[in-house]
Amino acid sequence: MRYAVLGTGDVGRTLGGRLAELGHEVTLGSRTKDNPAALEWARTVGAGARAGTFAEAASSAEAVVVAVGGRVALAALEAAGAANLDGKVVIDVSNPMAFEDGEVRLSPVGSDSVGEQIQRAFPHARVVKTLNTVNCQVMVDPALVPGEHQVFVSGEDADAKEQVRGLLGEFGWPPHRVLDLGGIRSARSVEMLLPLWLDLFRHVGHAEFNLEVRRGH
């Protein structure tokens, strides 16, 4: 399958690299065609990996992964072009965080989410929020964390969520550990988990952890 991964940071490079390892064609998208991080990533990964602009990546892709920061996600997708997103699954793994005055701030928070903003701005895209509650290494290798810990999906399109479940399965997330939270509005709750994740990171001392939901009888 052909994927566009928008973003050249740790998350984008990790997801793109794993997708290429799995045999997919991946274009790592950035604002400029000559982005050094994207070009080095493509050279290192080799077969199946390319670098390009946001628009070049999205135009040739069958699915688009949003791996930029949540506060610039809309700008990246606008640069990718609405026509290049129409009808495609758009997988949003971003978090709407920034450090302000030494504190982590979320925007939007509570009454909106990046996932919802993307779906409103690109109504013909099939947006699915997922993977933003774990570190990028755990995203692509959940076995790094023992136990029956979970990942979540949110979105309006059932077929799109099923496609994303398949991708998560390729990463190693079995179906019973992928919890469907419902429509894209539920992206609010998983985006608001970020401050808890950061506190747990400080407590645990590393990023290889996740939450496990256990059901009572």
N, C-alpha and C. Protein backbone atom coordinates (compact mmCIF):
# COMPACT_ATOMS: atom_id res chain seq x y z
N MET A 1 0.85 -1.19 0.00
CA MET A 1 0.00 0.00 0.00
C MET A 1 0.89 1.24 0.00
N ARG A 2 0.39 2.33 -0.53
CA ARG A 2 1.14 3.57 -0.59
C ARG A 2 0.70 4.52 0.52
N TYR A 3 1.64 4.89 1.36
CA TYR A 3 1.37 5.78 2.48
C TYR A 3 2.12 7.10 2.33
N ALA A 4 1.46 8.18 2.71
CA ALA A 4 2.14 9.44 2.95
C ALA A 4 2.25 9.62 4.46
N VAL A 5 3.43 9.90 4.95
CA VAL A 5 3.62 10.22 6.36
C VAL A 5 4.06 11.68 6.41
N LEU A 6 3.20 12.52 6.95
CA LEU A 6 3.48 13.95 7.01
C LEU A 6 4.17 14.27 8.32
N GLY A 7 5.43 14.69 8.22
CA GLY A 7 6.20 15.01 9.41
C GLY A 7 7.52 14.27 9.42
N THR A 8 8.60 14.99 9.73
CA THR A 8 9.94 14.41 9.67
C THR A 8 10.59 14.26 11.04
N GLY A 9 9.80 14.40 12.11
CA GLY A 9 10.33 14.21 13.45
C GLY A 9 10.44 12.74 13.80
N ASP A 10 10.68 12.46 15.08
CA ASP A 10 10.84 11.08 15.52
C ASP A 10 9.63 10.22 15.18
N VAL A 11 8.43 10.78 15.38
CA VAL A 11 7.22 10.00 15.13
C VAL A 11 7.09 9.66 13.65
N GLY A 12 7.23 10.66 12.79
CA GLY A 12 7.10 10.42 11.36
C GLY A 12 8.13 9.46 10.83
N ARG A 13 9.38 9.64 11.24
CA ARG A 13 10.44 8.76 10.75
C ARG A 13 10.27 7.33 11.26
N THR A 14 9.82 7.20 12.50
CA THR A 14 9.62 5.85 13.05
C THR A 14 8.47 5.14 12.37
N LEU A 15 7.34 5.81 12.22
CA LEU A 15 6.20 5.20 11.54
C LEU A 15 6.53 4.89 10.09
N GLY A 16 7.16 5.85 9.41
CA GLY A 16 7.50 5.64 8.01
C GLY A 16 8.47 4.48 7.83
N GLY A 17 9.44 4.39 8.72
CA GLY A 17 10.40 3.30 8.63
C GLY A 17 9.78 1.94 8.82
N ARG A 18 8.88 1.86 9.79
CA ARG A 18 8.21 0.57 10.04
C ARG A 18 7.30 0.19 8.88
N LEU A 19 6.58 1.16 8.33
CA LEU A 19 5.73 0.89 7.17
C LEU A 19 6.56 0.36 6.01
N ALA A 20 7.72 0.97 5.78
CA ALA A 20 8.59 0.50 4.69
C ALA A 20 9.10 -0.91 4.97
N GLU A 21 9.45 -1.19 6.22
CA GLU A 21 9.89 -2.54 6.60
C GLU A 21 8.81 -3.57 6.30
N LEU A 22 7.56 -3.16 6.47
CA LEU A 22 6.43 -4.06 6.24
C LEU A 22 6.11 -4.23 4.76
N GLY A 23 6.85 -3.53 3.91
CA GLY A 23 6.67 -3.69 2.47
C GLY A 23 5.82 -2.64 1.80
N HIS A 24 5.41 -1.62 2.53
CA HIS A 24 4.61 -0.54 1.95
C HIS A 24 5.52 0.48 1.28
N GLU A 25 4.95 1.22 0.34
CA GLU A 25 5.63 2.37 -0.25
C GLU A 25 5.32 3.60 0.59
N VAL A 26 6.34 4.31 1.00
CA VAL A 26 6.16 5.43 1.92
C VAL A 26 6.86 6.67 1.39
N THR A 27 6.13 7.78 1.36
CA THR A 27 6.74 9.07 1.08
C THR A 27 6.66 9.92 2.34
N LEU A 28 7.81 10.33 2.84
CA LEU A 28 7.86 11.19 4.02
C LEU A 28 7.73 12.63 3.56
N GLY A 29 6.66 13.28 3.99
CA GLY A 29 6.35 14.61 3.51
C GLY A 29 6.81 15.70 4.46
N SER A 30 7.25 16.81 3.89
CA SER A 30 7.65 17.98 4.66
C SER A 30 7.30 19.23 3.87
N ARG A 31 7.59 20.40 4.44
CA ARG A 31 7.22 21.65 3.77
C ARG A 31 8.01 21.85 2.48
N THR A 32 9.26 21.38 2.47
CA THR A 32 10.11 21.60 1.32
C THR A 32 10.62 20.28 0.75
N LYS A 33 10.88 20.28 -0.53
CA LYS A 33 11.31 19.06 -1.21
C LYS A 33 12.71 18.63 -0.77
N ASP A 34 13.52 19.59 -0.31
CA ASP A 34 14.90 19.29 0.05
C ASP A 34 15.13 19.20 1.55
N ASN A 35 14.10 18.83 2.32
CA ASN A 35 14.24 18.72 3.77
C ASN A 35 15.34 17.71 4.11
N PRO A 36 16.39 18.13 4.82
CA PRO A 36 17.53 17.23 5.08
C PRO A 36 17.14 15.97 5.85
N ALA A 37 16.27 16.11 6.86
CA ALA A 37 15.88 14.95 7.65
C ALA A 37 15.13 13.93 6.80
N ALA A 38 14.25 14.41 5.91
CA ALA A 38 13.49 13.50 5.05
C ALA A 38 14.39 12.82 4.04
N LEU A 39 15.31 13.57 3.46
CA LEU A 39 16.21 12.97 2.47
C LEU A 39 17.12 11.93 3.11
N GLU A 40 17.62 12.22 4.31
CA GLU A 40 18.46 11.25 5.01
C GLU A 40 17.68 10.01 5.40
N TRP A 41 16.43 10.22 5.83
CA TRP A 41 15.56 9.08 6.18
C TRP A 41 15.37 8.19 4.96
N ALA A 42 15.04 8.78 3.82
CA ALA A 42 14.80 7.99 2.61
C ALA A 42 16.06 7.24 2.19
N ARG A 43 17.22 7.89 2.30
CA ARG A 43 18.47 7.23 1.94
C ARG A 43 18.76 6.05 2.87
N THR A 44 18.51 6.24 4.16
CA THR A 44 18.80 5.20 5.14
C THR A 44 17.84 4.02 5.02
N VAL A 45 16.56 4.32 4.85
CA VAL A 45 15.55 3.25 4.78
C VAL A 45 15.70 2.47 3.49
N GLY A 46 15.93 3.18 2.39
CA GLY A 46 16.16 2.50 1.12
C GLY A 46 14.90 2.14 0.38
N ALA A 47 14.75 0.88 0.01
CA ALA A 47 13.65 0.43 -0.84
C ALA A 47 12.30 0.83 -0.27
N GLY A 48 11.47 1.40 -1.13
CA GLY A 48 10.11 1.76 -0.74
C GLY A 48 9.98 3.09 -0.05
N ALA A 49 11.09 3.80 0.15
CA ALA A 49 11.06 5.06 0.89
C ALA A 49 11.45 6.23 0.00
N ARG A 50 10.64 7.29 0.06
CA ARG A 50 10.94 8.50 -0.70
C ARG A 50 10.68 9.72 0.17
N ALA A 51 11.21 10.84 -0.24
CA ALA A 51 10.95 12.11 0.42
C ALA A 51 10.30 13.06 -0.57
N GLY A 52 9.46 13.96 -0.09
CA GLY A 52 8.81 14.93 -0.96
C GLY A 52 8.10 15.98 -0.15
N THR A 53 7.43 16.89 -0.83
CA THR A 53 6.63 17.89 -0.14
C THR A 53 5.36 17.23 0.40
N PHE A 54 4.65 17.96 1.25
CA PHE A 54 3.37 17.44 1.75
C PHE A 54 2.45 17.08 0.59
N ALA A 55 2.38 17.95 -0.41
CA ALA A 55 1.49 17.70 -1.54
C ALA A 55 1.94 16.51 -2.36
N GLU A 56 3.24 16.39 -2.60
CA GLU A 56 3.74 15.25 -3.37
C GLU A 56 3.47 13.94 -2.64
N ALA A 57 3.66 13.95 -1.33
CA ALA A 57 3.42 12.73 -0.55
C ALA A 57 1.96 12.34 -0.60
N ALA A 58 1.07 13.30 -0.37
CA ALA A 58 -0.36 12.98 -0.31
C ALA A 58 -0.94 12.61 -1.67
N SER A 59 -0.45 13.23 -2.72
CA SER A 59 -1.04 12.99 -4.04
C SER A 59 -0.86 11.55 -4.50
N SER A 60 0.24 10.92 -4.14
CA SER A 60 0.52 9.57 -4.61
C SER A 60 0.08 8.50 -3.62
N ALA A 61 -0.43 8.92 -2.46
CA ALA A 61 -0.73 7.98 -1.38
C ALA A 61 -2.15 7.45 -1.44
N GLU A 62 -2.34 6.27 -0.89
CA GLU A 62 -3.67 5.72 -0.68
C GLU A 62 -4.19 6.05 0.72
N ALA A 63 -3.28 6.31 1.65
CA ALA A 63 -3.63 6.71 3.02
C ALA A 63 -2.59 7.69 3.50
N VAL A 64 -3.01 8.62 4.37
CA VAL A 64 -2.16 9.70 4.84
C VAL A 64 -2.07 9.64 6.36
N VAL A 65 -0.84 9.68 6.88
CA VAL A 65 -0.60 9.68 8.32
C VAL A 65 -0.16 11.08 8.73
N VAL A 66 -0.88 11.66 9.69
CA VAL A 66 -0.55 13.00 10.19
C VAL A 66 0.36 12.84 11.40
N ALA A 67 1.66 13.07 11.19
CA ALA A 67 2.65 12.86 12.26
C ALA A 67 3.40 14.15 12.59
N VAL A 68 2.81 15.28 12.26
CA VAL A 68 3.34 16.57 12.69
C VAL A 68 2.71 16.91 14.04
N GLY A 69 3.16 17.98 14.68
CA GLY A 69 2.53 18.42 15.91
C GLY A 69 1.09 18.83 15.67
N GLY A 70 0.25 18.58 16.66
CA GLY A 70 -1.17 18.84 16.49
C GLY A 70 -1.51 20.27 16.16
N ARG A 71 -0.70 21.21 16.66
CA ARG A 71 -1.01 22.62 16.42
C ARG A 71 -0.69 23.07 14.99
N VAL A 72 0.06 22.26 14.25
CA VAL A 72 0.35 22.60 12.85
C VAL A 72 -0.24 21.58 11.89
N ALA A 73 -1.07 20.68 12.42
CA ALA A 73 -1.63 19.62 11.58
C ALA A 73 -2.48 20.17 10.45
N LEU A 74 -3.34 21.14 10.75
CA LEU A 74 -4.19 21.70 9.70
C LEU A 74 -3.37 22.37 8.62
N ALA A 75 -2.33 23.09 9.02
CA ALA A 75 -1.48 23.76 8.03
C ALA A 75 -0.79 22.74 7.13
N ALA A 76 -0.32 21.64 7.71
CA ALA A 76 0.34 20.60 6.91
C ALA A 76 -0.64 19.98 5.92
N LEU A 77 -1.86 19.74 6.36
CA LEU A 77 -2.86 19.14 5.48
C LEU A 77 -3.33 20.12 4.42
N GLU A 78 -3.41 21.38 4.77
CA GLU A 78 -3.74 22.40 3.76
C GLU A 78 -2.67 22.43 2.68
N ALA A 79 -1.40 22.33 3.10
CA ALA A 79 -0.31 22.29 2.13
C ALA A 79 -0.36 21.02 1.29
N ALA A 80 -0.83 19.93 1.89
CA ALA A 80 -0.98 18.68 1.15
C ALA A 80 -2.05 18.80 0.07
N GLY A 81 -3.08 19.60 0.34
CA GLY A 81 -4.12 19.84 -0.65
C GLY A 81 -5.36 19.01 -0.42
N ALA A 82 -6.50 19.66 -0.31
CA ALA A 82 -7.75 18.96 -0.05
C ALA A 82 -8.05 17.90 -1.11
N ALA A 83 -7.76 18.20 -2.35
CA ALA A 83 -8.04 17.24 -3.42
C ALA A 83 -7.22 15.96 -3.26
N ASN A 84 -6.04 16.08 -2.63
CA ASN A 84 -5.20 14.91 -2.42
C ASN A 84 -5.62 14.09 -1.21
N LEU A 85 -6.63 14.59 -0.46
CA LEU A 85 -7.12 13.89 0.72
C LEU A 85 -8.51 13.30 0.51
N ASP A 86 -9.22 13.78 -0.49
CA ASP A 86 -10.60 13.37 -0.69
C ASP A 86 -10.73 11.85 -0.81
N GLY A 87 -11.59 11.29 0.02
CA GLY A 87 -11.87 9.86 -0.03
C GLY A 87 -10.83 8.99 0.63
N LYS A 88 -9.73 9.57 1.07
CA LYS A 88 -8.65 8.77 1.64
C LYS A 88 -8.76 8.68 3.16
N VAL A 89 -8.22 7.61 3.71
CA VAL A 89 -8.11 7.49 5.16
C VAL A 89 -6.98 8.40 5.62
N VAL A 90 -7.29 9.28 6.56
CA VAL A 90 -6.30 10.17 7.15
C VAL A 90 -6.14 9.76 8.62
N ILE A 91 -4.98 9.25 8.94
CA ILE A 91 -4.71 8.71 10.27
C ILE A 91 -3.99 9.78 11.09
N ASP A 92 -4.68 10.30 12.09
CA ASP A 92 -4.15 11.40 12.89
C ASP A 92 -3.55 10.84 14.18
N VAL A 93 -2.22 10.93 14.31
CA VAL A 93 -1.55 10.45 15.51
C VAL A 93 -1.01 11.61 16.34
N SER A 94 -1.44 12.83 16.02
CA SER A 94 -0.84 14.02 16.62
C SER A 94 -1.42 14.33 17.99
N ASN A 95 -0.71 15.18 18.71
CA ASN A 95 -1.17 15.72 19.99
C ASN A 95 -1.07 17.24 19.95
N PRO A 96 -2.08 17.95 20.48
CA PRO A 96 -2.13 19.41 20.37
C PRO A 96 -1.34 20.12 21.47
N MET A 97 -0.07 19.79 21.62
CA MET A 97 0.69 20.30 22.76
C MET A 97 1.71 21.34 22.35
N ALA A 98 2.05 22.18 23.32
CA ALA A 98 3.17 23.12 23.18
C ALA A 98 3.64 23.44 24.58
N PHE A 99 4.90 23.79 24.70
CA PHE A 99 5.44 24.22 25.98
C PHE A 99 5.38 25.74 26.04
N GLU A 100 4.66 26.24 27.03
CA GLU A 100 4.50 27.68 27.21
C GLU A 100 4.82 28.02 28.66
N ASP A 101 5.77 28.93 28.85
CA ASP A 101 6.20 29.31 30.20
C ASP A 101 6.61 28.11 31.03
N GLY A 102 7.26 27.15 30.37
CA GLY A 102 7.74 25.99 31.08
C GLY A 102 6.69 24.94 31.38
N GLU A 103 5.47 25.15 30.93
CA GLU A 103 4.37 24.22 31.18
C GLU A 103 3.83 23.67 29.86
N VAL A 104 3.33 22.45 29.92
CA VAL A 104 2.68 21.86 28.75
C VAL A 104 1.26 22.40 28.65
N ARG A 105 0.93 22.92 27.50
CA ARG A 105 -0.43 23.42 27.24
C ARG A 105 -1.03 22.66 26.07
N LEU A 106 -2.31 22.39 26.17
CA LEU A 106 -3.04 21.77 25.08
C LEU A 106 -3.98 22.78 24.45
N SER A 107 -4.00 22.82 23.13
CA SER A 107 -4.95 23.67 22.41
C SER A 107 -5.18 23.08 21.03
N PRO A 108 -6.40 22.64 20.74
CA PRO A 108 -7.61 22.77 21.55
C PRO A 108 -7.63 21.77 22.71
N VAL A 109 -8.55 22.00 23.62
CA VAL A 109 -8.73 21.07 24.74
C VAL A 109 -10.16 21.18 25.24
N GLY A 110 -10.73 20.05 25.61
CA GLY A 110 -12.05 20.04 26.26
C GLY A 110 -13.21 20.08 25.31
N SER A 111 -13.36 21.18 24.57
CA SER A 111 -14.53 21.36 23.72
C SER A 111 -14.24 21.10 22.24
N ASP A 112 -13.03 20.65 21.94
CA ASP A 112 -12.65 20.38 20.55
C ASP A 112 -11.42 19.47 20.55
N SER A 113 -11.00 19.05 19.39
CA SER A 113 -9.80 18.21 19.27
C SER A 113 -9.20 18.42 17.89
N VAL A 114 -7.94 18.06 17.74
CA VAL A 114 -7.30 18.13 16.42
C VAL A 114 -8.01 17.20 15.45
N GLY A 115 -8.37 16.00 15.93
CA GLY A 115 -9.07 15.07 15.06
C GLY A 115 -10.35 15.66 14.49
N GLU A 116 -11.13 16.34 15.34
CA GLU A 116 -12.36 16.98 14.86
C GLU A 116 -12.07 18.14 13.92
N GLN A 117 -11.05 18.92 14.23
CA GLN A 117 -10.69 20.04 13.36
C GLN A 117 -10.34 19.54 11.96
N ILE A 118 -9.58 18.45 11.90
CA ILE A 118 -9.21 17.90 10.60
C ILE A 118 -10.45 17.43 9.85
N GLN A 119 -11.35 16.73 10.53
CA GLN A 119 -12.53 16.22 9.86
C GLN A 119 -13.42 17.35 9.35
N ARG A 120 -13.53 18.44 10.15
CA ARG A 120 -14.33 19.58 9.70
C ARG A 120 -13.69 20.27 8.50
N ALA A 121 -12.38 20.44 8.55
CA ALA A 121 -11.69 21.16 7.48
C ALA A 121 -11.65 20.36 6.18
N PHE A 122 -11.65 19.04 6.30
CA PHE A 122 -11.56 18.17 5.13
C PHE A 122 -12.68 17.13 5.20
N PRO A 123 -13.92 17.57 4.93
CA PRO A 123 -15.08 16.70 5.15
C PRO A 123 -15.11 15.45 4.28
N HIS A 124 -14.36 15.45 3.18
CA HIS A 124 -14.36 14.28 2.32
C HIS A 124 -13.24 13.30 2.65
N ALA A 125 -12.39 13.67 3.60
CA ALA A 125 -11.39 12.73 4.11
C ALA A 125 -12.04 11.84 5.15
N ARG A 126 -11.45 10.68 5.38
CA ARG A 126 -11.99 9.71 6.34
C ARG A 126 -11.02 9.63 7.51
N VAL A 127 -11.24 10.51 8.49
CA VAL A 127 -10.27 10.73 9.56
C VAL A 127 -10.43 9.70 10.67
N VAL A 128 -9.31 9.14 11.09
CA VAL A 128 -9.27 8.22 12.22
C VAL A 128 -8.17 8.68 13.16
N LYS A 129 -8.54 8.91 14.41
CA LYS A 129 -7.57 9.26 15.45
C LYS A 129 -7.09 7.98 16.13
N THR A 130 -5.77 7.83 16.26
CA THR A 130 -5.23 6.64 16.93
C THR A 130 -3.77 6.87 17.28
N LEU A 131 -3.23 6.04 18.13
CA LEU A 131 -1.79 5.92 18.45
C LEU A 131 -1.20 7.11 19.18
N ASN A 132 -1.95 8.18 19.43
CA ASN A 132 -1.36 9.35 20.06
C ASN A 132 -1.14 9.18 21.56
N THR A 133 -1.57 8.06 22.12
CA THR A 133 -1.45 7.85 23.56
C THR A 133 -0.22 7.04 23.94
N VAL A 134 0.63 6.71 22.97
CA VAL A 134 1.84 5.95 23.25
C VAL A 134 3.04 6.58 22.53
N ASN A 135 4.23 6.27 23.03
CA ASN A 135 5.47 6.68 22.40
C ASN A 135 5.59 6.06 21.01
N CYS A 136 6.35 6.71 20.12
CA CYS A 136 6.41 6.23 18.73
C CYS A 136 7.02 4.83 18.62
N GLN A 137 7.93 4.47 19.51
CA GLN A 137 8.49 3.12 19.45
C GLN A 137 7.45 2.07 19.82
N VAL A 138 6.60 2.40 20.80
CA VAL A 138 5.52 1.49 21.20
C VAL A 138 4.45 1.45 20.11
N MET A 139 4.24 2.55 19.40
CA MET A 139 3.27 2.56 18.30
C MET A 139 3.53 1.39 17.35
N VAL A 140 4.79 1.21 16.98
CA VAL A 140 5.13 0.24 15.93
C VAL A 140 5.62 -1.08 16.49
N ASP A 141 5.76 -1.18 17.82
CA ASP A 141 6.21 -2.42 18.45
C ASP A 141 5.62 -2.53 19.86
N PRO A 142 4.32 -2.83 19.95
CA PRO A 142 3.68 -2.88 21.26
C PRO A 142 4.26 -3.94 22.19
N ALA A 143 5.00 -4.91 21.66
CA ALA A 143 5.61 -5.93 22.50
C ALA A 143 6.69 -5.35 23.41
N LEU A 144 7.11 -4.10 23.17
CA LEU A 144 8.05 -3.45 24.08
C LEU A 144 7.48 -3.33 25.48
N VAL A 145 6.14 -3.34 25.57
CA VAL A 145 5.46 -3.24 26.85
C VAL A 145 4.71 -4.54 27.10
N PRO A 146 5.02 -5.27 28.17
CA PRO A 146 4.31 -6.52 28.42
C PRO A 146 2.86 -6.28 28.82
N GLY A 147 2.04 -7.30 28.66
CA GLY A 147 0.65 -7.20 29.10
C GLY A 147 -0.33 -6.92 27.99
N GLU A 148 -1.57 -6.75 28.40
CA GLU A 148 -2.68 -6.57 27.45
C GLU A 148 -3.08 -5.11 27.32
N HIS A 149 -2.09 -4.23 27.25
CA HIS A 149 -2.36 -2.80 27.13
C HIS A 149 -3.00 -2.49 25.78
N GLN A 150 -3.69 -1.35 25.73
CA GLN A 150 -4.53 -1.05 24.57
C GLN A 150 -4.14 0.22 23.83
N VAL A 151 -4.67 0.31 22.63
CA VAL A 151 -4.64 1.52 21.84
C VAL A 151 -6.06 1.80 21.39
N PHE A 152 -6.34 3.05 21.03
CA PHE A 152 -7.72 3.47 20.77
C PHE A 152 -7.89 3.97 19.34
N VAL A 153 -9.12 3.88 18.84
CA VAL A 153 -9.46 4.48 17.54
C VAL A 153 -10.73 5.29 17.69
N SER A 154 -10.77 6.43 17.00
CA SER A 154 -11.95 7.30 16.96
C SER A 154 -12.16 7.74 15.52
N GLY A 155 -13.41 7.76 15.08
CA GLY A 155 -13.68 8.20 13.71
C GLY A 155 -15.12 7.92 13.33
N GLU A 156 -15.56 8.59 12.28
CA GLU A 156 -16.95 8.48 11.83
C GLU A 156 -17.16 7.35 10.82
N ASP A 157 -16.11 6.94 10.12
CA ASP A 157 -16.23 6.00 9.02
C ASP A 157 -15.82 4.60 9.48
N ALA A 158 -16.78 3.68 9.52
CA ALA A 158 -16.50 2.33 10.02
C ALA A 158 -15.48 1.61 9.15
N ASP A 159 -15.58 1.78 7.85
CA ASP A 159 -14.63 1.11 6.96
C ASP A 159 -13.22 1.66 7.15
N ALA A 160 -13.12 2.96 7.36
CA ALA A 160 -11.81 3.57 7.60
C ALA A 160 -11.21 3.03 8.89
N LYS A 161 -12.03 2.91 9.93
CA LYS A 161 -11.52 2.37 11.19
C LYS A 161 -11.09 0.92 11.02
N GLU A 162 -11.81 0.17 10.21
CA GLU A 162 -11.42 -1.22 9.97
C GLU A 162 -10.08 -1.28 9.24
N GLN A 163 -9.88 -0.38 8.30
CA GLN A 163 -8.60 -0.32 7.60
C GLN A 163 -7.47 0.01 8.57
N VAL A 164 -7.72 0.94 9.48
CA VAL A 164 -6.71 1.31 10.46
C VAL A 164 -6.45 0.16 11.42
N ARG A 165 -7.49 -0.57 11.79
CA ARG A 165 -7.28 -1.77 12.62
C ARG A 165 -6.32 -2.75 11.92
N GLY A 166 -6.46 -2.88 10.61
CA GLY A 166 -5.57 -3.75 9.87
C GLY A 166 -4.13 -3.28 9.95
N LEU A 167 -3.92 -1.97 9.81
CA LEU A 167 -2.58 -1.42 9.92
C LEU A 167 -2.03 -1.64 11.33
N LEU A 168 -2.86 -1.38 12.34
CA LEU A 168 -2.41 -1.61 13.72
C LEU A 168 -2.04 -3.07 13.94
N GLY A 169 -2.78 -3.96 13.31
CA GLY A 169 -2.45 -5.38 13.39
C GLY A 169 -1.08 -5.67 12.79
N GLU A 170 -0.75 -5.00 11.70
CA GLU A 170 0.57 -5.17 11.11
C GLU A 170 1.67 -4.69 12.06
N PHE A 171 1.36 -3.67 12.84
CA PHE A 171 2.32 -3.17 13.82
C PHE A 171 2.44 -4.09 15.03
N GLY A 172 1.45 -5.00 15.20
CA GLY A 172 1.50 -5.91 16.33
C GLY A 172 0.41 -5.73 17.36
N TRP A 173 -0.57 -4.89 17.07
CA TRP A 173 -1.70 -4.69 17.98
C TRP A 173 -2.82 -5.66 17.60
N PRO A 174 -3.09 -6.69 18.40
CA PRO A 174 -4.16 -7.63 18.06
C PRO A 174 -5.53 -6.95 18.17
N PRO A 175 -6.52 -7.46 17.45
CA PRO A 175 -7.83 -6.79 17.41
C PRO A 175 -8.45 -6.54 18.78
N HIS A 176 -8.29 -7.48 19.72
CA HIS A 176 -8.96 -7.30 21.01
C HIS A 176 -8.32 -6.21 21.86
N ARG A 177 -7.16 -5.70 21.42
CA ARG A 177 -6.50 -4.63 22.16
C ARG A 177 -6.64 -3.28 21.47
N VAL A 178 -7.47 -3.22 20.45
CA VAL A 178 -7.79 -1.96 19.77
C VAL A 178 -9.21 -1.58 20.17
N LEU A 179 -9.34 -0.56 21.00
CA LEU A 179 -10.65 -0.18 21.54
C LEU A 179 -11.24 0.95 20.72
N ASP A 180 -12.42 0.71 20.15
CA ASP A 180 -13.13 1.70 19.35
C ASP A 180 -13.93 2.59 20.30
N LEU A 181 -13.55 3.86 20.38
CA LEU A 181 -14.23 4.80 21.28
C LEU A 181 -15.41 5.50 20.65
N GLY A 182 -15.67 5.22 19.37
CA GLY A 182 -16.82 5.82 18.70
C GLY A 182 -16.41 6.88 17.70
N GLY A 183 -17.23 7.91 17.58
CA GLY A 183 -17.02 8.95 16.57
C GLY A 183 -15.81 9.81 16.84
N ILE A 184 -15.54 10.72 15.93
CA ILE A 184 -14.34 11.54 16.02
C ILE A 184 -14.38 12.46 17.24
N ARG A 185 -15.55 12.73 17.79
CA ARG A 185 -15.63 13.57 18.99
C ARG A 185 -14.83 12.96 20.14
N SER A 186 -14.71 11.63 20.16
CA SER A 186 -13.97 10.98 21.24
C SER A 186 -12.47 11.21 21.14
N ALA A 187 -12.01 11.83 20.04
CA ALA A 187 -10.60 12.22 19.97
C ALA A 187 -10.25 13.20 21.08
N ARG A 188 -11.25 13.92 21.59
CA ARG A 188 -10.98 14.86 22.68
C ARG A 188 -10.38 14.15 23.88
N SER A 189 -10.96 13.03 24.26
CA SER A 189 -10.52 12.35 25.48
C SER A 189 -9.11 11.81 25.34
N VAL A 190 -8.77 11.22 24.18
CA VAL A 190 -7.42 10.67 24.04
C VAL A 190 -6.38 11.78 23.90
N GLU A 191 -6.75 12.91 23.32
CA GLU A 191 -5.80 14.02 23.25
C GLU A 191 -5.56 14.60 24.64
N MET A 192 -6.58 14.59 25.50
CA MET A 192 -6.42 15.13 26.85
C MET A 192 -5.64 14.20 27.78
N LEU A 193 -5.29 12.99 27.29
CA LEU A 193 -4.48 12.09 28.09
C LEU A 193 -3.01 12.51 28.14
N LEU A 194 -2.60 13.43 27.27
CA LEU A 194 -1.18 13.75 27.17
C LEU A 194 -0.55 14.21 28.48
N PRO A 195 -1.18 15.11 29.26
CA PRO A 195 -0.55 15.49 30.53
C PRO A 195 -0.34 14.28 31.46
N LEU A 196 -1.29 13.35 31.48
CA LEU A 196 -1.10 12.14 32.28
C LEU A 196 0.07 11.33 31.75
N TRP A 197 0.18 11.22 30.42
CA TRP A 197 1.30 10.48 29.84
C TRP A 197 2.63 11.09 30.26
N LEU A 198 2.72 12.41 30.25
CA LEU A 198 3.96 13.08 30.62
C LEU A 198 4.29 12.87 32.09
N ASP A 199 3.28 12.91 32.96
CA ASP A 199 3.53 12.64 34.38
C ASP A 199 3.98 11.19 34.59
N LEU A 200 3.38 10.27 33.86
CA LEU A 200 3.81 8.87 33.96
C LEU A 200 5.22 8.68 33.43
N PHE A 201 5.56 9.41 32.36
CA PHE A 201 6.92 9.35 31.82
C PHE A 201 7.94 9.78 32.88
N ARG A 202 7.63 10.85 33.58
CA ARG A 202 8.53 11.31 34.64
C ARG A 202 8.61 10.29 35.76
N HIS A 203 7.50 9.63 36.06
CA HIS A 203 7.47 8.64 37.13
C HIS A 203 8.20 7.36 36.74
N VAL A 204 7.94 6.87 35.54
CA VAL A 204 8.53 5.61 35.08
C VAL A 204 10.00 5.78 34.73
N GLY A 205 10.34 6.92 34.14
CA GLY A 205 11.72 7.19 33.78
C GLY A 205 12.07 6.86 32.35
N HIS A 206 11.13 6.33 31.60
CA HIS A 206 11.33 6.07 30.17
C HIS A 206 9.95 6.00 29.52
N ALA A 207 9.94 5.85 28.17
CA ALA A 207 8.69 5.95 27.42
C ALA A 207 8.06 4.62 27.06
N GLU A 208 8.66 3.52 27.49
CA GLU A 208 8.12 2.21 27.11
C GLU A 208 7.09 1.74 28.14
N PHE A 209 5.93 2.39 28.12
CA PHE A 209 4.82 2.03 28.99
C PHE A 209 3.52 2.35 28.28
N ASN A 210 2.42 1.83 28.82
CA ASN A 210 1.11 2.11 28.26
C ASN A 210 0.06 1.80 29.31
N LEU A 211 -1.16 2.22 29.04
CA LEU A 211 -2.29 1.98 29.94
C LEU A 211 -3.00 0.69 29.53
N GLU A 212 -3.47 -0.04 30.54
CA GLU A 212 -4.24 -1.25 30.29
C GLU A 212 -5.61 -1.09 30.93
N VAL A 213 -6.66 -1.31 30.14
CA VAL A 213 -8.04 -1.21 30.63
C VAL A 213 -8.51 -2.62 30.97
N ARG A 214 -8.90 -2.82 32.21
CA ARG A 214 -9.40 -4.12 32.63
C ARG A 214 -10.88 -4.00 32.96
N ARG A 215 -11.66 -4.92 32.43
CA ARG A 215 -13.10 -4.89 32.62
C ARG A 215 -13.49 -5.73 33.84
N GLY A 216 -14.39 -5.20 34.64
CA GLY A 216 -14.94 -5.95 35.75
C GLY A 216 -16.07 -6.85 35.28
N HIS A 217 -16.51 -7.75 36.11
CA HIS A 217 -17.60 -8.66 35.74
C HIS A 217 -18.95 -7.99 35.96
